[in-house]
Amino acid sequence: MVAAKGGQFDHTAQRLRDARAEGAERQRVVDQLRTAGAPVIDRPVSGDPATDLQRLTAPAEPS
C-alpha cells in the first residue's frame, strides 16, 4: 500500500473515515429532507447539462 510505504497510513485512514462519516451525515440529512417532503437535487455529474446559477447570464438583447 502506497500510504504505508510513505508513512502516511494513519493520515490516509483518518481521511477515509472522515469521508465515510461525512457521507453518512449527508445521507441522513437527505433522508430527513425527503421525509419532510422537500425536493432534493443530486449534484450534477460530468457531462450533465446542468449549470451553476452564478454562471448563467441574461439573454442578449436583439439588435
N, C-alpha and C. Protein backbone atom coordinates (compact mmCIF):
# COMPACT_ATOMS: atom_id res chain seq x y z
N MET A 1 0.84 -1.17 0.00
CA MET A 1 0.00 0.00 0.00
C MET A 1 0.90 1.24 0.00
N VAL A 2 0.60 2.19 -0.87
CA VAL A 2 1.43 3.37 -1.02
C VAL A 2 1.46 4.19 0.27
N ALA A 3 0.31 4.33 0.94
CA ALA A 3 0.26 5.13 2.16
C ALA A 3 1.15 4.54 3.25
N ALA A 4 1.18 3.22 3.35
CA ALA A 4 2.00 2.58 4.38
C ALA A 4 3.48 2.78 4.07
N LYS A 5 3.86 2.69 2.82
CA LYS A 5 5.26 2.87 2.43
C LYS A 5 5.71 4.30 2.62
N GLY A 6 4.81 5.25 2.41
CA GLY A 6 5.17 6.67 2.52
C GLY A 6 5.02 7.22 3.92
N GLY A 7 4.61 6.39 4.87
CA GLY A 7 4.45 6.85 6.24
C GLY A 7 3.18 7.65 6.48
N GLN A 8 2.25 7.58 5.55
CA GLN A 8 1.02 8.35 5.66
C GLN A 8 -0.20 7.48 5.94
N PHE A 9 0.02 6.27 6.40
CA PHE A 9 -1.09 5.34 6.59
C PHE A 9 -2.14 5.89 7.54
N ASP A 10 -1.71 6.38 8.71
CA ASP A 10 -2.67 6.88 9.70
C ASP A 10 -3.46 8.06 9.15
N HIS A 11 -2.76 8.95 8.45
CA HIS A 11 -3.42 10.12 7.88
C HIS A 11 -4.43 9.71 6.81
N THR A 12 -4.04 8.80 5.94
CA THR A 12 -4.93 8.33 4.88
C THR A 12 -6.13 7.60 5.46
N ALA A 13 -5.91 6.78 6.47
CA ALA A 13 -7.00 6.06 7.11
C ALA A 13 -7.98 7.04 7.76
N GLN A 14 -7.47 8.09 8.38
CA GLN A 14 -8.35 9.09 9.00
C GLN A 14 -9.15 9.84 7.95
N ARG A 15 -8.52 10.16 6.84
CA ARG A 15 -9.24 10.85 5.76
C ARG A 15 -10.38 9.97 5.23
N LEU A 16 -10.13 8.69 5.10
CA LEU A 16 -11.18 7.77 4.64
C LEU A 16 -12.31 7.67 5.66
N ARG A 17 -11.97 7.62 6.95
CA ARG A 17 -13.00 7.59 8.00
C ARG A 17 -13.83 8.87 7.98
N ASP A 18 -13.14 10.02 7.81
CA ASP A 18 -13.84 11.30 7.76
C ASP A 18 -14.78 11.36 6.56
N ALA A 19 -14.32 10.88 5.40
CA ALA A 19 -15.15 10.89 4.20
C ALA A 19 -16.37 9.99 4.39
N ARG A 20 -16.20 8.84 5.01
CA ARG A 20 -17.31 7.94 5.27
C ARG A 20 -18.32 8.59 6.22
N ALA A 21 -17.82 9.23 7.28
CA ALA A 21 -18.70 9.90 8.24
C ALA A 21 -19.46 11.06 7.58
N GLU A 22 -18.77 11.81 6.73
CA GLU A 22 -19.41 12.92 6.03
C GLU A 22 -20.50 12.40 5.09
N GLY A 23 -20.22 11.32 4.40
CA GLY A 23 -21.21 10.73 3.51
C GLY A 23 -22.43 10.24 4.26
N ALA A 24 -22.21 9.63 5.41
CA ALA A 24 -23.32 9.14 6.23
C ALA A 24 -24.16 10.30 6.75
N GLU A 25 -23.53 11.38 7.17
CA GLU A 25 -24.25 12.55 7.66
C GLU A 25 -25.04 13.19 6.52
N ARG A 26 -24.43 13.29 5.36
CA ARG A 26 -25.13 13.85 4.20
C ARG A 26 -26.37 13.02 3.88
N GLN A 27 -26.23 11.71 3.87
CA GLN A 27 -27.36 10.83 3.57
C GLN A 27 -28.44 10.97 4.63
N ARG A 28 -28.06 11.13 5.89
CA ARG A 28 -29.04 11.31 6.96
C ARG A 28 -29.86 12.57 6.72
N VAL A 29 -29.19 13.66 6.35
CA VAL A 29 -29.88 14.92 6.10
C VAL A 29 -30.77 14.81 4.86
N VAL A 30 -30.28 14.18 3.80
CA VAL A 30 -31.08 13.98 2.59
C VAL A 30 -32.34 13.18 2.92
N ASP A 31 -32.18 12.11 3.67
CA ASP A 31 -33.34 11.30 4.07
C ASP A 31 -34.34 12.12 4.88
N GLN A 32 -33.83 12.93 5.79
CA GLN A 32 -34.68 13.77 6.62
C GLN A 32 -35.45 14.78 5.76
N LEU A 33 -34.76 15.40 4.79
CA LEU A 33 -35.42 16.37 3.92
C LEU A 33 -36.48 15.70 3.05
N ARG A 34 -36.16 14.54 2.49
CA ARG A 34 -37.12 13.83 1.66
C ARG A 34 -38.35 13.40 2.46
N THR A 35 -38.12 12.95 3.69
CA THR A 35 -39.23 12.56 4.56
C THR A 35 -40.14 13.75 4.84
N ALA A 36 -39.54 14.93 4.94
CA ALA A 36 -40.31 16.15 5.18
C ALA A 36 -40.98 16.66 3.91
N GLY A 37 -40.71 16.00 2.78
CA GLY A 37 -41.33 16.40 1.52
C GLY A 37 -40.56 17.43 0.72
N ALA A 38 -39.35 17.75 1.16
CA ALA A 38 -38.54 18.73 0.43
C ALA A 38 -37.87 18.07 -0.76
N PRO A 39 -37.86 18.74 -1.92
CA PRO A 39 -37.16 18.16 -3.07
C PRO A 39 -35.65 18.23 -2.85
N VAL A 40 -34.97 17.17 -3.17
CA VAL A 40 -33.51 17.11 -3.03
C VAL A 40 -32.93 16.86 -4.42
N ILE A 41 -32.07 17.75 -4.86
CA ILE A 41 -31.48 17.64 -6.19
C ILE A 41 -30.06 17.10 -6.04
N ASP A 42 -29.77 16.04 -6.79
CA ASP A 42 -28.44 15.46 -6.75
C ASP A 42 -27.44 16.38 -7.43
N ARG A 43 -26.20 16.31 -6.99
CA ARG A 43 -25.12 17.08 -7.59
C ARG A 43 -24.92 16.60 -9.03
N PRO A 44 -24.80 17.53 -9.99
CA PRO A 44 -24.60 17.12 -11.38
C PRO A 44 -23.28 16.37 -11.56
N VAL A 45 -23.27 15.47 -12.51
CA VAL A 45 -22.06 14.72 -12.83
C VAL A 45 -21.49 15.24 -14.14
N SER A 46 -20.29 14.85 -14.45
CA SER A 46 -19.63 15.27 -15.68
C SER A 46 -20.52 14.94 -16.89
N GLY A 47 -20.67 15.90 -17.78
CA GLY A 47 -21.49 15.70 -18.95
C GLY A 47 -22.94 16.07 -18.76
N ASP A 48 -23.34 16.38 -17.51
CA ASP A 48 -24.70 16.78 -17.20
C ASP A 48 -24.91 18.19 -17.74
N PRO A 49 -26.05 18.47 -18.37
CA PRO A 49 -26.26 19.81 -18.92
C PRO A 49 -26.56 20.88 -17.86
N ALA A 50 -26.61 20.51 -16.61
CA ALA A 50 -26.89 21.48 -15.54
C ALA A 50 -25.75 22.50 -15.45
N THR A 51 -26.09 23.72 -15.05
CA THR A 51 -25.12 24.80 -14.93
C THR A 51 -25.29 25.47 -13.57
N ASP A 52 -24.18 25.85 -12.94
CA ASP A 52 -24.25 26.60 -11.70
C ASP A 52 -25.00 27.91 -11.95
N LEU A 53 -25.84 28.32 -11.03
CA LEU A 53 -26.62 29.54 -11.21
C LEU A 53 -25.75 30.76 -11.45
N GLN A 54 -24.59 30.85 -10.77
CA GLN A 54 -23.74 32.03 -10.94
C GLN A 54 -23.13 32.10 -12.34
N ARG A 55 -23.18 31.01 -13.11
CA ARG A 55 -22.63 31.02 -14.46
C ARG A 55 -23.67 31.39 -15.51
N LEU A 56 -24.92 31.49 -15.12
CA LEU A 56 -25.96 31.86 -16.06
C LEU A 56 -25.89 33.35 -16.36
N THR A 57 -26.21 33.71 -17.58
CA THR A 57 -26.23 35.11 -17.97
C THR A 57 -27.57 35.41 -18.62
N ALA A 58 -27.92 36.68 -18.66
CA ALA A 58 -29.16 37.10 -19.30
C ALA A 58 -29.01 36.93 -20.81
N PRO A 59 -30.12 36.63 -21.50
CA PRO A 59 -30.03 36.51 -22.95
C PRO A 59 -29.64 37.86 -23.57
N ALA A 60 -28.95 37.80 -24.68
CA ALA A 60 -28.52 39.02 -25.37
C ALA A 60 -29.74 39.75 -25.92
N GLU A 61 -29.71 41.05 -25.87
CA GLU A 61 -30.77 41.88 -26.43
C GLU A 61 -30.69 41.82 -27.95
N PRO A 62 -31.84 41.65 -28.62
CA PRO A 62 -31.80 41.66 -30.09
C PRO A 62 -31.40 43.04 -30.60
N SER A 63 -30.64 43.08 -31.70
CA SER A 63 -30.17 44.37 -32.25
C SER A 63 -31.22 45.02 -33.11
